[in-house]
N, C-alpha and C. Protein backbone atom coordinates (compact mmCIF):
# COMPACT_ATOMS: atom_id res chain seq x y z
N MET A 1 1.07 -0.86 0.20
CA MET A 1 0.19 -0.30 -0.02
C MET A 1 1.15 1.44 0.35
N GLN A 2 0.52 2.48 -0.58
CA GLN A 2 1.28 3.56 -0.52
C GLN A 2 -0.05 4.31 -0.36
N GLU A 3 0.35 5.68 0.87
CA GLU A 3 0.02 6.91 0.48
C GLU A 3 0.64 8.50 0.66
N ILE A 4 -0.48 9.14 0.67
CA ILE A 4 -0.09 10.00 0.55
C ILE A 4 -0.31 11.09 1.13
N GLU A 5 0.62 12.30 1.96
CA GLU A 5 -0.80 13.68 2.35
C GLU A 5 -0.85 14.40 1.57
N LEU A 6 -1.96 15.63 1.19
CA LEU A 6 -1.77 16.34 0.17
C LEU A 6 -2.96 17.66 1.20
N GLU A 7 -2.75 18.80 0.95
CA GLU A 7 -3.57 19.56 0.65
C GLU A 7 -4.18 19.75 -0.50
N ILE A 8 -4.90 20.88 -0.57
CA ILE A 8 -6.07 21.24 -1.48
C ILE A 8 -5.91 23.01 -0.95
N THR A 9 -5.20 23.00 -2.68
CA THR A 9 -5.76 23.91 -2.86
C THR A 9 -5.52 25.44 -3.89
N ASN A 10 -6.89 24.41 -4.32
CA ASN A 10 -8.02 24.86 -5.14
C ASN A 10 -9.10 25.27 -4.65
N PRO A 11 -9.12 26.33 -5.33
CA PRO A 11 -10.46 27.88 -4.42
C PRO A 11 -11.27 27.30 -4.55
N THR A 12 -12.22 25.88 -4.98
CA THR A 12 -13.57 25.90 -5.09
C THR A 12 -13.24 24.12 -4.34
N GLY A 13 -12.22 23.88 -3.71
CA GLY A 13 -12.01 22.35 -3.79
C GLY A 13 -12.36 21.34 -4.99
N LEU A 14 -12.96 19.66 -4.42
CA LEU A 14 -13.08 18.48 -5.24
C LEU A 14 -14.28 18.60 -5.21
N HIS A 15 -14.94 19.64 -5.93
CA HIS A 15 -16.46 20.13 -6.05
C HIS A 15 -16.91 19.49 -7.37
N THR A 16 -17.69 18.88 -8.41
CA THR A 16 -18.32 18.46 -8.92
C THR A 16 -17.28 18.26 -9.70
N ARG A 17 -17.12 19.30 -10.97
CA ARG A 17 -15.83 19.18 -12.36
C ARG A 17 -14.94 18.25 -11.92
N PRO A 18 -14.25 18.95 -11.16
CA PRO A 18 -12.80 18.20 -10.92
C PRO A 18 -12.82 17.27 -9.54
N GLY A 19 -13.61 17.08 -9.03
CA GLY A 19 -14.32 15.62 -8.63
C GLY A 19 -14.54 14.30 -9.78
N THR A 20 -15.28 15.26 -9.95
CA THR A 20 -15.65 13.74 -12.25
C THR A 20 -14.35 13.59 -12.19
N GLU A 21 -13.51 14.84 -12.67
CA GLU A 21 -11.81 14.07 -13.16
C GLU A 21 -11.15 13.28 -12.56
N PHE A 22 -10.99 13.28 -11.06
CA PHE A 22 -10.51 12.77 -10.30
C PHE A 22 -10.78 11.37 -10.50
N VAL A 23 -12.44 11.19 -9.99
CA VAL A 23 -12.84 9.98 -10.05
C VAL A 23 -12.66 9.09 -11.21
N ARG A 24 -12.90 9.71 -13.18
CA ARG A 24 -12.83 9.23 -13.81
C ARG A 24 -11.35 8.45 -13.79
N LEU A 25 -9.81 10.05 -13.24
CA LEU A 25 -9.21 8.76 -13.60
C LEU A 25 -8.49 7.75 -12.42
N ALA A 26 -9.41 8.41 -11.34
CA ALA A 26 -9.52 6.81 -9.95
C ALA A 26 -9.93 5.45 -11.02
N LYS A 27 -10.36 5.52 -11.63
CA LYS A 27 -11.80 4.24 -12.17
C LYS A 27 -10.83 4.01 -13.45
N SER A 28 -9.79 4.46 -14.14
CA SER A 28 -8.47 4.14 -14.82
C SER A 28 -8.06 2.85 -14.57
N PHE A 29 -7.76 3.14 -12.89
CA PHE A 29 -6.13 1.97 -12.52
C PHE A 29 -7.37 1.25 -11.56
N ALA A 30 -7.26 -0.32 -11.98
CA ALA A 30 -7.11 -1.17 -10.43
C ALA A 30 -6.86 -1.57 -9.05
N CYS A 31 -6.14 -0.32 -8.86
CA CYS A 31 -6.19 -1.08 -6.60
C CYS A 31 -7.80 -0.27 -6.46
N GLU A 32 -7.50 -0.79 -5.03
CA GLU A 32 -7.95 -0.28 -4.40
C GLU A 32 -7.68 1.24 -4.20
N ILE A 33 -8.42 2.43 -4.22
CA ILE A 33 -8.49 3.97 -3.99
C ILE A 33 -9.12 4.67 -2.96
N GLU A 34 -8.23 4.79 -1.69
CA GLU A 34 -9.49 5.94 -0.44
C GLU A 34 -8.52 6.63 -0.28
N ILE A 35 -9.89 7.87 -0.11
CA ILE A 35 -9.62 9.12 0.51
C ILE A 35 -10.08 9.77 1.71
N TYR A 36 -8.78 9.89 2.52
CA TYR A 36 -9.79 9.97 3.60
C TYR A 36 -9.09 11.92 3.77
N LYS A 37 -10.80 12.78 5.06
CA LYS A 37 -10.30 13.85 5.32
C LYS A 37 -10.76 13.84 6.45
N ASN A 38 -10.15 13.43 7.63
CA ASN A 38 -10.30 14.29 9.34
C ASN A 38 -10.92 12.38 9.56
N ASP A 39 -12.13 12.65 9.62
CA ASP A 39 -12.33 11.09 10.66
C ASP A 39 -13.69 10.20 9.28
N LYS A 40 -13.53 11.27 7.66
CA LYS A 40 -14.78 10.30 7.02
C LYS A 40 -13.02 9.64 5.45
N THR A 41 -14.05 9.24 4.95
CA THR A 41 -13.11 7.51 4.45
C THR A 41 -14.14 7.94 2.75
N ALA A 42 -13.81 7.96 2.00
CA ALA A 42 -14.67 7.06 0.49
C ALA A 42 -13.07 7.28 -0.81
N ASN A 43 -14.18 6.20 -1.46
CA ASN A 43 -13.78 5.78 -1.70
C ASN A 43 -13.54 6.28 -3.20
N ALA A 44 -12.19 6.18 -3.97
CA ALA A 44 -12.11 7.47 -4.96
C ALA A 44 -12.69 7.40 -6.16
N LYS A 45 -12.98 5.99 -6.10
CA LYS A 45 -13.85 5.67 -7.97
C LYS A 45 -14.75 6.04 -7.39
N SER A 46 -15.78 6.08 -6.89
CA SER A 46 -17.27 6.46 -6.97
C SER A 46 -17.76 9.07 -6.41
N ILE A 47 -17.74 9.46 -7.92
CA ILE A 47 -17.91 10.86 -7.43
C ILE A 47 -19.18 11.32 -5.67
N VAL A 48 -19.93 9.95 -5.65
CA VAL A 48 -21.12 10.10 -4.54
C VAL A 48 -20.35 10.70 -3.76
N LYS A 49 -19.59 9.14 -3.53
CA LYS A 49 -19.50 9.24 -2.07
C LYS A 49 -17.83 10.26 -2.25
N LEU A 50 -17.23 10.66 -3.03
CA LEU A 50 -15.77 11.36 -3.31
C LEU A 50 -15.92 13.31 -2.91
N LEU A 51 -18.16 13.37 -3.00
CA LEU A 51 -18.64 15.06 -2.60
C LEU A 51 -19.14 14.97 -1.54
N LYS A 52 -19.57 13.25 -0.85
CA LYS A 52 -20.24 13.00 0.71
C LYS A 52 -19.45 13.86 1.98
N ILE A 53 -17.89 14.23 1.49
CA ILE A 53 -17.23 13.98 2.42
C ILE A 53 -16.97 15.49 2.23
N GLY A 54 -17.62 15.69 1.40
CA GLY A 54 -16.76 17.58 1.14
C GLY A 54 -15.24 18.02 1.03
N ILE A 55 -14.56 18.10 0.15
CA ILE A 55 -13.47 18.25 0.66
C ILE A 55 -13.33 19.22 -0.62
N SER A 56 -12.69 20.74 0.62
CA SER A 56 -12.75 22.29 0.11
C SER A 56 -10.90 22.57 -0.30
N GLN A 57 -10.84 23.83 -0.14
CA GLN A 57 -9.67 24.70 -0.18
C GLN A 57 -9.06 24.58 1.35
N GLY A 58 -8.25 24.03 1.12
CA GLY A 58 -7.43 24.24 2.97
C GLY A 58 -7.32 22.19 3.90
N ASP A 59 -8.61 22.14 2.80
CA ASP A 59 -7.87 20.83 3.82
C ASP A 59 -7.22 19.69 3.74
N ARG A 60 -6.71 19.05 3.85
CA ARG A 60 -5.44 18.56 4.02
C ARG A 60 -6.36 16.39 4.49
N ILE A 61 -6.10 15.76 2.69
CA ILE A 61 -6.41 14.64 2.73
C ILE A 61 -5.34 14.25 2.29
N ARG A 62 -5.53 13.09 2.70
CA ARG A 62 -4.64 11.21 3.24
C ARG A 62 -5.43 10.44 1.85
N LEU A 63 -4.31 10.53 0.81
CA LEU A 63 -5.12 9.72 -0.24
C LEU A 63 -3.80 8.18 -0.38
N THR A 64 -4.98 6.30 0.07
CA THR A 64 -3.87 5.84 -0.34
C THR A 64 -4.90 5.14 -1.55
N CYS A 65 -3.50 4.10 -1.44
CA CYS A 65 -3.86 3.39 -3.42
C CYS A 65 -2.95 1.82 -3.16
N ASN A 66 -4.01 0.76 -3.27
CA ASN A 66 -3.69 -0.28 -3.21
C ASN A 66 -3.52 -1.41 -4.07
N GLY A 67 -2.73 -2.33 -4.32
CA GLY A 67 -3.07 -2.94 -5.36
C GLY A 67 -1.51 -2.77 -6.48
N ASP A 68 -1.84 -3.34 -7.59
CA ASP A 68 -0.80 -3.99 -8.74
C ASP A 68 -0.28 -2.21 -9.29
N ASP A 69 -1.21 -1.92 -8.87
CA ASP A 69 -0.64 0.01 -10.01
C ASP A 69 -0.79 0.73 -8.88
N GLU A 70 -0.64 0.40 -7.97
CA GLU A 70 -0.96 1.50 -6.77
C GLU A 70 0.30 2.83 -6.59
N THR A 71 1.64 2.10 -7.53
CA THR A 71 2.72 3.71 -7.95
C THR A 71 2.22 4.77 -8.56
N ALA A 72 1.55 4.02 -9.72
CA ALA A 72 1.28 4.80 -11.06
C ALA A 72 -0.45 5.46 -10.62
N ALA A 73 -1.14 4.71 -9.36
CA ALA A 73 -2.33 5.69 -9.44
C ALA A 73 -1.72 6.38 -8.51
N LEU A 74 -1.24 6.67 -7.16
CA LEU A 74 -1.24 7.37 -6.54
C LEU A 74 -0.57 8.31 -7.10
N GLU A 75 0.78 8.48 -8.20
CA GLU A 75 1.86 9.22 -8.89
C GLU A 75 0.69 10.32 -9.35
N THR A 76 0.00 9.89 -10.02
CA THR A 76 -0.95 10.53 -10.71
C THR A 76 -1.94 11.31 -10.22
N LEU A 77 -2.86 10.17 -9.60
CA LEU A 77 -4.17 11.61 -8.87
C LEU A 77 -3.05 13.16 -7.82
N ALA A 78 -2.09 12.13 -7.38
CA ALA A 78 -1.40 13.18 -6.84
C ALA A 78 -0.90 14.62 -7.31
N GLU A 79 -0.52 14.43 -8.59
CA GLU A 79 -0.80 15.22 -9.46
C GLU A 79 -1.75 16.06 -9.79
N TYR A 80 -2.16 15.25 -10.49
CA TYR A 80 -4.38 16.01 -10.46
C TYR A 80 -4.00 17.01 -9.35
N ILE A 81 -3.98 16.70 -8.12
CA ILE A 81 -4.64 17.34 -6.57
C ILE A 81 -3.90 18.00 -7.35
N ARG A 82 -2.62 18.11 -6.80
CA ARG A 82 -1.56 19.41 -6.80
C ARG A 82 -1.08 20.37 -8.34
N ASN A 83 -2.03 19.78 -9.36
CA ASN A 83 -1.85 20.82 -9.97
C ASN A 83 -3.39 21.76 -10.33
N LEU A 84 -4.21 21.56 -9.56
CA LEU A 84 -5.66 21.99 -10.20
C LEU A 84 -5.83 23.59 -9.72
N LYS A 85 -6.02 23.67 -10.92
CA LYS A 85 -7.38 25.33 -10.72
C LYS A 85 -7.59 25.36 -10.93
N ASP A 86 -9.52 24.88 -10.63
CA ASP A 86 -10.41 25.04 -10.99
C ASP A 86 -11.46 24.52 -9.99
């Protein structure tokens, strides 16, 4: 299992549009991917669950990937979050 902690710098957080793109990216990997925000957890391959935990600007999240392509998944998704501008 691989994990990383990230801060959300995007002014609108992971709302519907960037959240949908994040989920689309997550679904392109076979490994299990989870997002943790405080005491809440979401399957990163579900837009409903992702939106339910309410990730906003300034939040710190932990992203975990577990499976065959976990390294590539973690790198790709972390890069997406770091470069998110909208």
